[in-house]
Amino acid sequence: MPSTALRVLAVVRIATGMVFLWPFLDKALGLGYSTASENAWVRGGSPAEGYLSSVTVGPLESVFQSWAGVALVDWLYMAGMGGLGISLVLGIGLRVTAIAGPLLMLTLWLSMYPPARHASDGTPTMSTNPLIDQHVVFAGVMVAVALCSAGRVYGLGGWWERTQLVRSFPWLR
């Protein structure tokens, strides 16, 4: 029987997975939350364009804005969001997630650098902590669930590890 700590970490893993899986589904299908149906990826919309074109601060502003609407960027973004979401919710491939997830989080964090900015009316438009925001926390969660093999609890991690694919390529664990 898993310890209480592993059960809690498994629940955190699943919740974090939903943080990534839900936007993937909404942007892909246009479920009407942050993405209108007519802007869905399946209808030709660009999932990353709105975010990237709204980057208005930092030394990398022009780089991120130039990526807005680029098909390869959309594919990489959606593969990252969907892959992280599926991996975390199901508890499979967490070693890959522990590397790919923090890389995606670093990219998103850099797009908001410097993170403390305010709108013309003085309200914060981004994180007001110059170092730690949700991207850093999510990266830490992804590493922790992989290190603790949290996919075995409330997930398919145990089954995944016994598959021929993972036995042939243990780094996929």
N, C-alpha and C. Protein backbone atom coordinates (compact mmCIF):
# COMPACT_ATOMS: atom_id res chain seq x y z
N MET A 1 0.85 -1.19 0.00
CA MET A 1 0.00 0.00 0.00
C MET A 1 0.89 1.25 0.00
N PRO A 2 0.62 2.19 -0.91
CA PRO A 2 1.46 3.39 -0.98
C PRO A 2 1.27 4.28 0.25
N SER A 3 2.30 5.01 0.56
CA SER A 3 2.23 5.93 1.69
C SER A 3 1.27 7.08 1.37
N THR A 4 0.86 7.74 2.41
CA THR A 4 -0.02 8.90 2.24
C THR A 4 0.66 9.97 1.39
N ALA A 5 1.96 10.16 1.60
CA ALA A 5 2.69 11.17 0.82
C ALA A 5 2.65 10.85 -0.67
N LEU A 6 2.82 9.57 -1.03
CA LEU A 6 2.77 9.19 -2.45
C LEU A 6 1.37 9.37 -3.02
N ARG A 7 0.36 9.10 -2.21
CA ARG A 7 -1.02 9.32 -2.68
C ARG A 7 -1.29 10.80 -2.92
N VAL A 8 -0.81 11.64 -2.02
CA VAL A 8 -0.98 13.09 -2.20
C VAL A 8 -0.22 13.55 -3.43
N LEU A 9 1.01 13.06 -3.61
CA LEU A 9 1.80 13.43 -4.78
C LEU A 9 1.13 12.96 -6.07
N ALA A 10 0.48 11.80 -6.02
CA ALA A 10 -0.24 11.31 -7.20
C ALA A 10 -1.41 12.23 -7.54
N VAL A 11 -2.11 12.71 -6.54
CA VAL A 11 -3.22 13.64 -6.78
C VAL A 11 -2.69 14.96 -7.35
N VAL A 12 -1.57 15.44 -6.82
CA VAL A 12 -0.93 16.65 -7.35
C VAL A 12 -0.52 16.42 -8.80
N ARG A 13 0.00 15.22 -9.09
CA ARG A 13 0.39 14.86 -10.47
C ARG A 13 -0.80 14.94 -11.41
N ILE A 14 -1.91 14.37 -11.02
CA ILE A 14 -3.11 14.37 -11.86
C ILE A 14 -3.64 15.79 -12.04
N ALA A 15 -3.70 16.55 -10.96
CA ALA A 15 -4.18 17.94 -11.05
C ALA A 15 -3.29 18.77 -11.96
N THR A 16 -1.98 18.59 -11.83
CA THR A 16 -1.04 19.32 -12.70
C THR A 16 -1.23 18.89 -14.15
N GLY A 17 -1.45 17.61 -14.36
CA GLY A 17 -1.71 17.13 -15.72
C GLY A 17 -2.93 17.80 -16.33
N MET A 18 -3.96 18.01 -15.53
CA MET A 18 -5.16 18.67 -16.05
C MET A 18 -4.91 20.14 -16.38
N VAL A 19 -3.93 20.75 -15.69
CA VAL A 19 -3.55 22.13 -16.02
C VAL A 19 -3.06 22.21 -17.46
N PHE A 20 -2.43 21.16 -17.95
CA PHE A 20 -1.92 21.13 -19.32
C PHE A 20 -2.92 20.51 -20.30
N LEU A 21 -3.61 19.47 -19.87
CA LEU A 21 -4.51 18.76 -20.78
C LEU A 21 -5.73 19.61 -21.15
N TRP A 22 -6.27 20.34 -20.19
CA TRP A 22 -7.45 21.15 -20.50
C TRP A 22 -7.17 22.21 -21.56
N PRO A 23 -6.13 23.03 -21.42
CA PRO A 23 -5.88 24.02 -22.49
C PRO A 23 -5.60 23.36 -23.83
N PHE A 24 -4.93 22.20 -23.82
CA PHE A 24 -4.70 21.48 -25.08
C PHE A 24 -6.05 21.17 -25.74
N LEU A 25 -6.97 20.60 -24.99
CA LEU A 25 -8.29 20.26 -25.55
C LEU A 25 -9.06 21.50 -25.98
N ASP A 26 -9.02 22.54 -25.16
CA ASP A 26 -9.75 23.77 -25.48
C ASP A 26 -9.19 24.42 -26.74
N LYS A 27 -7.87 24.49 -26.86
CA LYS A 27 -7.27 25.11 -28.05
C LYS A 27 -7.44 24.23 -29.29
N ALA A 28 -7.38 22.92 -29.10
CA ALA A 28 -7.54 22.01 -30.24
C ALA A 28 -8.97 22.01 -30.76
N LEU A 29 -9.94 21.98 -29.86
CA LEU A 29 -11.33 21.80 -30.25
C LEU A 29 -12.18 23.05 -30.15
N GLY A 30 -11.66 24.11 -29.56
CA GLY A 30 -12.43 25.34 -29.40
C GLY A 30 -13.64 25.12 -28.52
N LEU A 31 -13.40 24.72 -27.28
CA LEU A 31 -14.49 24.39 -26.36
C LEU A 31 -15.19 25.63 -25.80
N GLY A 32 -14.68 26.81 -26.12
CA GLY A 32 -15.36 28.04 -25.74
C GLY A 32 -14.93 28.64 -24.42
N TYR A 33 -13.88 28.12 -23.80
CA TYR A 33 -13.41 28.71 -22.56
C TYR A 33 -12.41 29.81 -22.87
N SER A 34 -11.20 29.47 -23.25
CA SER A 34 -10.27 30.51 -23.68
C SER A 34 -10.17 30.55 -25.21
N THR A 35 -10.72 29.54 -25.87
CA THR A 35 -10.65 29.48 -27.33
C THR A 35 -12.06 29.30 -27.91
N ALA A 36 -12.47 30.26 -28.70
CA ALA A 36 -13.77 30.17 -29.35
C ALA A 36 -13.74 29.06 -30.41
N SER A 37 -14.89 28.49 -30.67
CA SER A 37 -15.01 27.38 -31.61
C SER A 37 -14.39 27.71 -32.97
N GLU A 38 -14.62 28.91 -33.45
CA GLU A 38 -14.10 29.28 -34.77
C GLU A 38 -12.58 29.44 -34.79
N ASN A 39 -11.95 29.56 -33.62
CA ASN A 39 -10.49 29.69 -33.53
C ASN A 39 -9.79 28.39 -33.16
N ALA A 40 -10.54 27.29 -33.14
CA ALA A 40 -9.97 26.00 -32.76
C ALA A 40 -8.86 25.60 -33.73
N TRP A 41 -7.92 24.86 -33.21
CA TRP A 41 -6.81 24.37 -34.04
C TRP A 41 -7.34 23.49 -35.15
N VAL A 42 -8.36 22.67 -34.86
CA VAL A 42 -8.92 21.79 -35.88
C VAL A 42 -9.64 22.58 -36.98
N ARG A 43 -9.90 23.84 -36.75
CA ARG A 43 -10.52 24.70 -37.76
C ARG A 43 -9.53 25.69 -38.36
N GLY A 44 -8.25 25.43 -38.16
CA GLY A 44 -7.22 26.27 -38.77
C GLY A 44 -6.69 27.37 -37.88
N GLY A 45 -7.15 27.45 -36.64
CA GLY A 45 -6.65 28.46 -35.72
C GLY A 45 -5.22 28.17 -35.30
N SER A 46 -4.55 29.18 -34.78
CA SER A 46 -3.17 29.05 -34.30
C SER A 46 -3.20 29.06 -32.77
N PRO A 47 -2.95 27.91 -32.14
CA PRO A 47 -3.06 27.83 -30.68
C PRO A 47 -2.13 28.75 -29.91
N ALA A 48 -0.96 29.03 -30.43
CA ALA A 48 0.02 29.83 -29.70
C ALA A 48 0.05 31.29 -30.14
N GLU A 49 -0.62 31.62 -31.23
CA GLU A 49 -0.51 32.97 -31.78
C GLU A 49 -0.99 34.05 -30.82
N GLY A 50 -2.14 33.85 -30.20
CA GLY A 50 -2.67 34.88 -29.30
C GLY A 50 -1.72 35.19 -28.16
N TYR A 51 -1.19 34.14 -27.56
CA TYR A 51 -0.26 34.33 -26.45
C TYR A 51 1.03 35.00 -26.93
N LEU A 52 1.62 34.46 -27.97
CA LEU A 52 2.91 34.97 -28.43
C LEU A 52 2.82 36.40 -28.95
N SER A 53 1.74 36.73 -29.61
CA SER A 53 1.62 38.09 -30.12
C SER A 53 1.34 39.09 -29.00
N SER A 54 0.95 38.59 -27.82
CA SER A 54 0.69 39.50 -26.69
C SER A 54 1.92 39.69 -25.80
N VAL A 55 3.04 39.06 -26.13
CA VAL A 55 4.27 39.27 -25.36
C VAL A 55 4.76 40.68 -25.68
N THR A 56 4.74 41.53 -24.66
CA THR A 56 5.06 42.95 -24.89
C THR A 56 6.16 43.46 -23.97
N VAL A 57 6.88 42.54 -23.32
CA VAL A 57 7.94 42.97 -22.41
C VAL A 57 9.16 42.09 -22.61
N GLY A 58 10.26 42.60 -22.14
CA GLY A 58 11.47 41.80 -22.03
C GLY A 58 12.37 41.82 -23.24
N PRO A 59 13.58 41.34 -23.03
CA PRO A 59 14.58 41.35 -24.09
C PRO A 59 14.27 40.37 -25.22
N LEU A 60 13.40 39.40 -25.00
CA LEU A 60 13.06 38.43 -26.03
C LEU A 60 11.71 38.70 -26.69
N GLU A 61 11.16 39.87 -26.43
CA GLU A 61 9.83 40.24 -26.96
C GLU A 61 9.73 40.00 -28.47
N SER A 62 10.68 40.48 -29.24
CA SER A 62 10.60 40.36 -30.70
C SER A 62 10.74 38.90 -31.15
N VAL A 63 11.51 38.11 -30.42
CA VAL A 63 11.66 36.68 -30.76
C VAL A 63 10.33 35.97 -30.60
N PHE A 64 9.70 36.14 -29.45
CA PHE A 64 8.43 35.46 -29.20
C PHE A 64 7.33 35.97 -30.14
N GLN A 65 7.29 37.26 -30.40
CA GLN A 65 6.28 37.78 -31.33
C GLN A 65 6.51 37.24 -32.74
N SER A 66 7.75 37.03 -33.14
CA SER A 66 8.02 36.51 -34.48
C SER A 66 7.57 35.05 -34.62
N TRP A 67 7.43 34.35 -33.50
CA TRP A 67 6.96 32.96 -33.53
C TRP A 67 5.44 32.86 -33.64
N ALA A 68 4.73 33.94 -33.40
CA ALA A 68 3.26 33.92 -33.44
C ALA A 68 2.77 33.53 -34.83
N GLY A 69 1.91 32.52 -34.88
CA GLY A 69 1.33 32.08 -36.14
C GLY A 69 2.17 31.12 -36.95
N VAL A 70 3.37 30.76 -36.45
CA VAL A 70 4.24 29.82 -37.16
C VAL A 70 3.75 28.39 -36.87
N ALA A 71 3.47 27.63 -37.92
CA ALA A 71 2.88 26.30 -37.77
C ALA A 71 3.75 25.37 -36.91
N LEU A 72 5.06 25.39 -37.10
CA LEU A 72 5.93 24.52 -36.31
C LEU A 72 5.83 24.85 -34.82
N VAL A 73 5.76 26.12 -34.50
CA VAL A 73 5.62 26.54 -33.10
C VAL A 73 4.29 26.04 -32.54
N ASP A 74 3.22 26.15 -33.33
CA ASP A 74 1.92 25.63 -32.88
C ASP A 74 1.99 24.14 -32.62
N TRP A 75 2.61 23.38 -33.50
CA TRP A 75 2.74 21.94 -33.33
C TRP A 75 3.56 21.59 -32.09
N LEU A 76 4.67 22.28 -31.90
CA LEU A 76 5.51 22.02 -30.72
C LEU A 76 4.77 22.38 -29.43
N TYR A 77 4.09 23.50 -29.45
CA TYR A 77 3.32 23.93 -28.27
C TYR A 77 2.23 22.92 -27.93
N MET A 78 1.47 22.51 -28.93
CA MET A 78 0.38 21.56 -28.68
C MET A 78 0.91 20.18 -28.30
N ALA A 79 2.01 19.75 -28.91
CA ALA A 79 2.60 18.47 -28.54
C ALA A 79 3.08 18.52 -27.09
N GLY A 80 3.65 19.65 -26.71
CA GLY A 80 4.10 19.81 -25.33
C GLY A 80 2.95 19.81 -24.35
N MET A 81 1.93 20.62 -24.62
CA MET A 81 0.78 20.69 -23.70
C MET A 81 0.05 19.36 -23.63
N GLY A 82 -0.22 18.75 -24.77
CA GLY A 82 -0.94 17.48 -24.79
C GLY A 82 -0.11 16.36 -24.19
N GLY A 83 1.16 16.30 -24.57
CA GLY A 83 2.04 15.25 -24.06
C GLY A 83 2.22 15.33 -22.55
N LEU A 84 2.45 16.53 -22.05
CA LEU A 84 2.59 16.70 -20.60
C LEU A 84 1.30 16.33 -19.89
N GLY A 85 0.18 16.80 -20.42
CA GLY A 85 -1.10 16.51 -19.80
C GLY A 85 -1.39 15.02 -19.73
N ILE A 86 -1.21 14.33 -20.85
CA ILE A 86 -1.48 12.89 -20.89
C ILE A 86 -0.52 12.13 -19.97
N SER A 87 0.75 12.47 -20.05
CA SER A 87 1.76 11.79 -19.24
C SER A 87 1.45 11.94 -17.75
N LEU A 88 1.16 13.15 -17.33
CA LEU A 88 0.91 13.40 -15.90
C LEU A 88 -0.41 12.79 -15.44
N VAL A 89 -1.46 12.92 -16.22
CA VAL A 89 -2.75 12.35 -15.81
C VAL A 89 -2.67 10.83 -15.73
N LEU A 90 -2.05 10.20 -16.73
CA LEU A 90 -1.97 8.74 -16.75
C LEU A 90 -0.82 8.18 -15.91
N GLY A 91 0.17 9.01 -15.60
CA GLY A 91 1.31 8.54 -14.81
C GLY A 91 2.31 7.74 -15.61
N ILE A 92 2.43 8.02 -16.91
CA ILE A 92 3.36 7.28 -17.76
C ILE A 92 4.40 8.24 -18.35
N GLY A 93 5.56 7.70 -18.67
CA GLY A 93 6.60 8.52 -19.31
C GLY A 93 7.04 9.69 -18.47
N LEU A 94 7.07 9.54 -17.17
CA LEU A 94 7.37 10.68 -16.30
C LEU A 94 8.83 11.13 -16.36
N ARG A 95 9.73 10.25 -16.76
CA ARG A 95 11.13 10.69 -16.93
C ARG A 95 11.25 11.68 -18.08
N VAL A 96 10.57 11.39 -19.17
CA VAL A 96 10.57 12.31 -20.31
C VAL A 96 9.90 13.61 -19.90
N THR A 97 8.80 13.50 -19.17
CA THR A 97 8.08 14.68 -18.69
C THR A 97 8.95 15.53 -17.78
N ALA A 98 9.79 14.88 -16.97
CA ALA A 98 10.67 15.62 -16.04
C ALA A 98 11.71 16.44 -16.77
N ILE A 99 11.96 16.13 -18.03
CA ILE A 99 12.91 16.91 -18.84
C ILE A 99 12.16 17.88 -19.75
N ALA A 100 11.19 17.36 -20.51
CA ALA A 100 10.47 18.19 -21.47
C ALA A 100 9.61 19.25 -20.79
N GLY A 101 8.99 18.89 -19.68
CA GLY A 101 8.11 19.84 -18.98
C GLY A 101 8.86 21.08 -18.51
N PRO A 102 9.94 20.92 -17.76
CA PRO A 102 10.69 22.11 -17.34
C PRO A 102 11.24 22.93 -18.52
N LEU A 103 11.56 22.29 -19.64
CA LEU A 103 12.01 23.06 -20.81
C LEU A 103 10.87 23.93 -21.36
N LEU A 104 9.66 23.37 -21.44
CA LEU A 104 8.51 24.17 -21.88
C LEU A 104 8.23 25.28 -20.87
N MET A 105 8.32 24.96 -19.58
CA MET A 105 8.07 25.98 -18.55
C MET A 105 9.11 27.09 -18.61
N LEU A 106 10.36 26.73 -18.88
CA LEU A 106 11.41 27.75 -19.01
C LEU A 106 11.11 28.67 -20.18
N THR A 107 10.68 28.10 -21.28
CA THR A 107 10.34 28.90 -22.46
C THR A 107 9.20 29.87 -22.14
N LEU A 108 8.16 29.36 -21.49
CA LEU A 108 7.03 30.23 -21.13
C LEU A 108 7.44 31.28 -20.11
N TRP A 109 8.30 30.90 -19.16
CA TRP A 109 8.78 31.86 -18.17
C TRP A 109 9.58 32.97 -18.85
N LEU A 110 10.44 32.57 -19.79
CA LEU A 110 11.24 33.58 -20.51
C LEU A 110 10.37 34.52 -21.33
N SER A 111 9.23 34.02 -21.82
CA SER A 111 8.34 34.89 -22.60
C SER A 111 7.72 35.97 -21.74
N MET A 112 7.73 35.78 -20.45
CA MET A 112 7.15 36.76 -19.53
C MET A 112 8.21 37.56 -18.79
N TYR A 113 9.49 37.33 -19.12
CA TYR A 113 10.57 37.99 -18.40
C TYR A 113 10.74 39.43 -18.86
N PRO A 114 10.90 40.39 -18.00
CA PRO A 114 10.81 40.30 -16.55
C PRO A 114 9.35 40.19 -16.11
N PRO A 115 9.07 39.34 -15.13
CA PRO A 115 7.69 39.01 -14.80
C PRO A 115 6.86 40.08 -14.11
N ALA A 116 7.46 41.04 -13.46
CA ALA A 116 6.67 42.05 -12.75
C ALA A 116 6.39 43.25 -13.64
N ARG A 117 5.22 43.28 -14.24
CA ARG A 117 4.78 44.40 -15.08
C ARG A 117 3.38 44.79 -14.67
N HIS A 118 3.03 46.03 -14.93
CA HIS A 118 1.72 46.52 -14.55
C HIS A 118 1.05 47.20 -15.73
N ALA A 119 -0.27 47.09 -15.76
CA ALA A 119 -1.05 47.78 -16.78
C ALA A 119 -1.03 49.28 -16.48
N SER A 120 -1.53 50.07 -17.43
CA SER A 120 -1.51 51.52 -17.25
C SER A 120 -2.30 51.96 -16.02
N ASP A 121 -3.27 51.15 -15.58
CA ASP A 121 -4.03 51.52 -14.38
C ASP A 121 -3.36 51.02 -13.09
N GLY A 122 -2.17 50.39 -13.21
CA GLY A 122 -1.43 49.96 -12.04
C GLY A 122 -1.69 48.53 -11.61
N THR A 123 -2.64 47.84 -12.22
CA THR A 123 -2.92 46.46 -11.83
C THR A 123 -1.88 45.53 -12.45
N PRO A 124 -1.49 44.50 -11.70
CA PRO A 124 -0.49 43.57 -12.25
C PRO A 124 -1.07 42.82 -13.45
N THR A 125 -0.25 42.68 -14.50
CA THR A 125 -0.67 41.92 -15.67
C THR A 125 0.00 40.56 -15.71
N MET A 126 1.03 40.38 -14.93
CA MET A 126 1.73 39.11 -14.84
C MET A 126 2.12 38.89 -13.39
N SER A 127 2.83 37.83 -13.15
CA SER A 127 3.29 37.54 -11.80
C SER A 127 4.04 38.74 -11.24
N THR A 128 3.87 38.98 -9.96
CA THR A 128 4.59 40.08 -9.34
C THR A 128 5.82 39.59 -8.59
N ASN A 129 6.13 38.31 -8.69
CA ASN A 129 7.34 37.78 -8.10
C ASN A 129 8.39 37.68 -9.21
N PRO A 130 9.52 38.34 -9.07
CA PRO A 130 10.47 38.38 -10.17
C PRO A 130 11.22 37.07 -10.42
N LEU A 131 11.10 36.09 -9.54
CA LEU A 131 11.84 34.84 -9.73
C LEU A 131 10.94 33.61 -9.84
N ILE A 132 10.00 33.48 -8.93
CA ILE A 132 9.20 32.26 -8.84
C ILE A 132 7.76 32.56 -9.25
N ASP A 133 7.28 31.81 -10.24
CA ASP A 133 5.87 31.90 -10.60
C ASP A 133 5.38 30.48 -10.87
N GLN A 134 4.19 30.34 -11.43
CA GLN A 134 3.61 29.01 -11.63
C GLN A 134 4.46 28.14 -12.53
N HIS A 135 5.20 28.71 -13.47
CA HIS A 135 6.03 27.91 -14.37
C HIS A 135 7.13 27.18 -13.60
N VAL A 136 7.73 27.85 -12.64
CA VAL A 136 8.78 27.25 -11.83
C VAL A 136 8.19 26.16 -10.94
N VAL A 137 7.02 26.42 -10.36
CA VAL A 137 6.36 25.43 -9.50
C VAL A 137 5.98 24.19 -10.31
N PHE A 138 5.38 24.39 -11.49
CA PHE A 138 5.00 23.24 -12.31
C PHE A 138 6.23 22.42 -12.72
N ALA A 139 7.33 23.08 -13.04
CA ALA A 139 8.57 22.36 -13.39
C ALA A 139 9.02 21.51 -12.21
N GLY A 140 8.97 22.06 -11.02
CA GLY A 140 9.35 21.31 -9.82
C GLY A 140 8.45 20.12 -9.58
N VAL A 141 7.16 20.29 -9.78
CA VAL A 141 6.21 19.18 -9.61
C VAL A 141 6.54 18.05 -10.60
N MET A 142 6.82 18.40 -11.84
CA MET A 142 7.11 17.37 -12.84
C MET A 142 8.37 16.58 -12.50
N VAL A 143 9.37 17.24 -11.98
CA VAL A 143 10.59 16.54 -11.58
C VAL A 143 10.30 15.66 -10.36
N ALA A 144 9.57 16.19 -9.40
CA ALA A 144 9.27 15.44 -8.16
C ALA A 144 8.47 14.18 -8.45
N VAL A 145 7.44 14.26 -9.29
CA VAL A 145 6.63 13.06 -9.55
C VAL A 145 7.44 12.00 -10.28
N ALA A 146 8.38 12.41 -11.12
CA ALA A 146 9.24 11.43 -11.79
C ALA A 146 10.20 10.78 -10.81
N LEU A 147 10.84 11.58 -9.97
CA LEU A 147 11.79 11.05 -9.00
C LEU A 147 11.15 10.09 -8.01
N CYS A 148 9.88 10.33 -7.69
CA CYS A 148 9.17 9.49 -6.71
C CYS A 148 8.35 8.39 -7.36
N SER A 149 8.45 8.26 -8.67
CA SER A 149 7.66 7.26 -9.41
C SER A 149 6.18 7.36 -9.04
N ALA A 150 5.67 8.57 -8.97
CA ALA A 150 4.29 8.81 -8.56
C ALA A 150 3.28 8.33 -9.59
N GLY A 151 3.72 7.88 -10.74
CA GLY A 151 2.80 7.33 -11.74
C GLY A 151 2.28 5.96 -11.37
N ARG A 152 2.93 5.30 -10.42
CA ARG A 152 2.48 3.97 -9.99
C ARG A 152 1.24 4.06 -9.09
N VAL A 153 1.01 5.23 -8.50
CA VAL A 153 -0.12 5.42 -7.60
C VAL A 153 -1.19 6.19 -8.37
N TYR A 154 -2.39 5.65 -8.42
CA TYR A 154 -3.51 6.25 -9.15
C TYR A 154 -3.15 6.52 -10.61
N GLY A 155 -2.34 5.67 -11.17
CA GLY A 155 -1.94 5.85 -12.56
C GLY A 155 -1.53 4.54 -13.19
N LEU A 156 -1.07 4.62 -14.41
CA LEU A 156 -0.68 3.44 -15.17
C LEU A 156 0.83 3.22 -15.18
N GLY A 157 1.54 3.88 -14.27
CA GLY A 157 2.99 3.80 -14.24
C GLY A 157 3.54 2.39 -14.08
N GLY A 158 2.93 1.60 -13.21
CA GLY A 158 3.40 0.22 -13.02
C GLY A 158 3.24 -0.61 -14.27
N TRP A 159 2.08 -0.51 -14.90
CA TRP A 159 1.83 -1.21 -16.17
C TRP A 159 2.80 -0.72 -17.24
N TRP A 160 2.95 0.60 -17.35
CA TRP A 160 3.82 1.22 -18.35
C TRP A 160 5.24 0.68 -18.24
N GLU A 161 5.75 0.57 -17.02
CA GLU A 161 7.12 0.09 -16.81
C GLU A 161 7.30 -1.35 -17.25
N ARG A 162 6.22 -2.15 -17.27
CA ARG A 162 6.31 -3.55 -17.67
C ARG A 162 6.11 -3.77 -19.17
N THR A 163 5.79 -2.72 -19.91
CA THR A 163 5.59 -2.89 -21.35
C THR A 163 6.93 -3.19 -22.03
N GLN A 164 6.85 -3.88 -23.15
CA GLN A 164 8.06 -4.22 -23.90
C GLN A 164 8.80 -2.96 -24.36
N LEU A 165 8.05 -1.94 -24.75
CA LEU A 165 8.66 -0.68 -25.19
C LEU A 165 9.55 -0.10 -24.10
N VAL A 166 9.04 -0.01 -22.88
CA VAL A 166 9.81 0.59 -21.79
C VAL A 166 10.93 -0.34 -21.33
N ARG A 167 10.71 -1.64 -21.40
CA ARG A 167 11.80 -2.56 -21.05
C ARG A 167 12.94 -2.45 -22.06
N SER A 168 12.61 -2.17 -23.32
CA SER A 168 13.64 -1.98 -24.34
C SER A 168 14.30 -0.61 -24.25
N PHE A 169 13.54 0.38 -23.83
CA PHE A 169 14.03 1.76 -23.71
C PHE A 169 13.68 2.31 -22.33
N PRO A 170 14.45 1.94 -21.29
CA PRO A 170 14.12 2.31 -19.92
C PRO A 170 14.02 3.80 -19.66
N TRP A 171 14.64 4.61 -20.50
CA TRP A 171 14.55 6.06 -20.33
C TRP A 171 13.12 6.56 -20.52
N LEU A 172 12.25 5.76 -21.11
CA LEU A 172 10.84 6.14 -21.30
C LEU A 172 10.01 6.01 -20.03
N ARG A 173 10.59 5.40 -18.99
CA ARG A 173 9.86 5.23 -17.74
C ARG A 173 9.34 6.52 -17.25
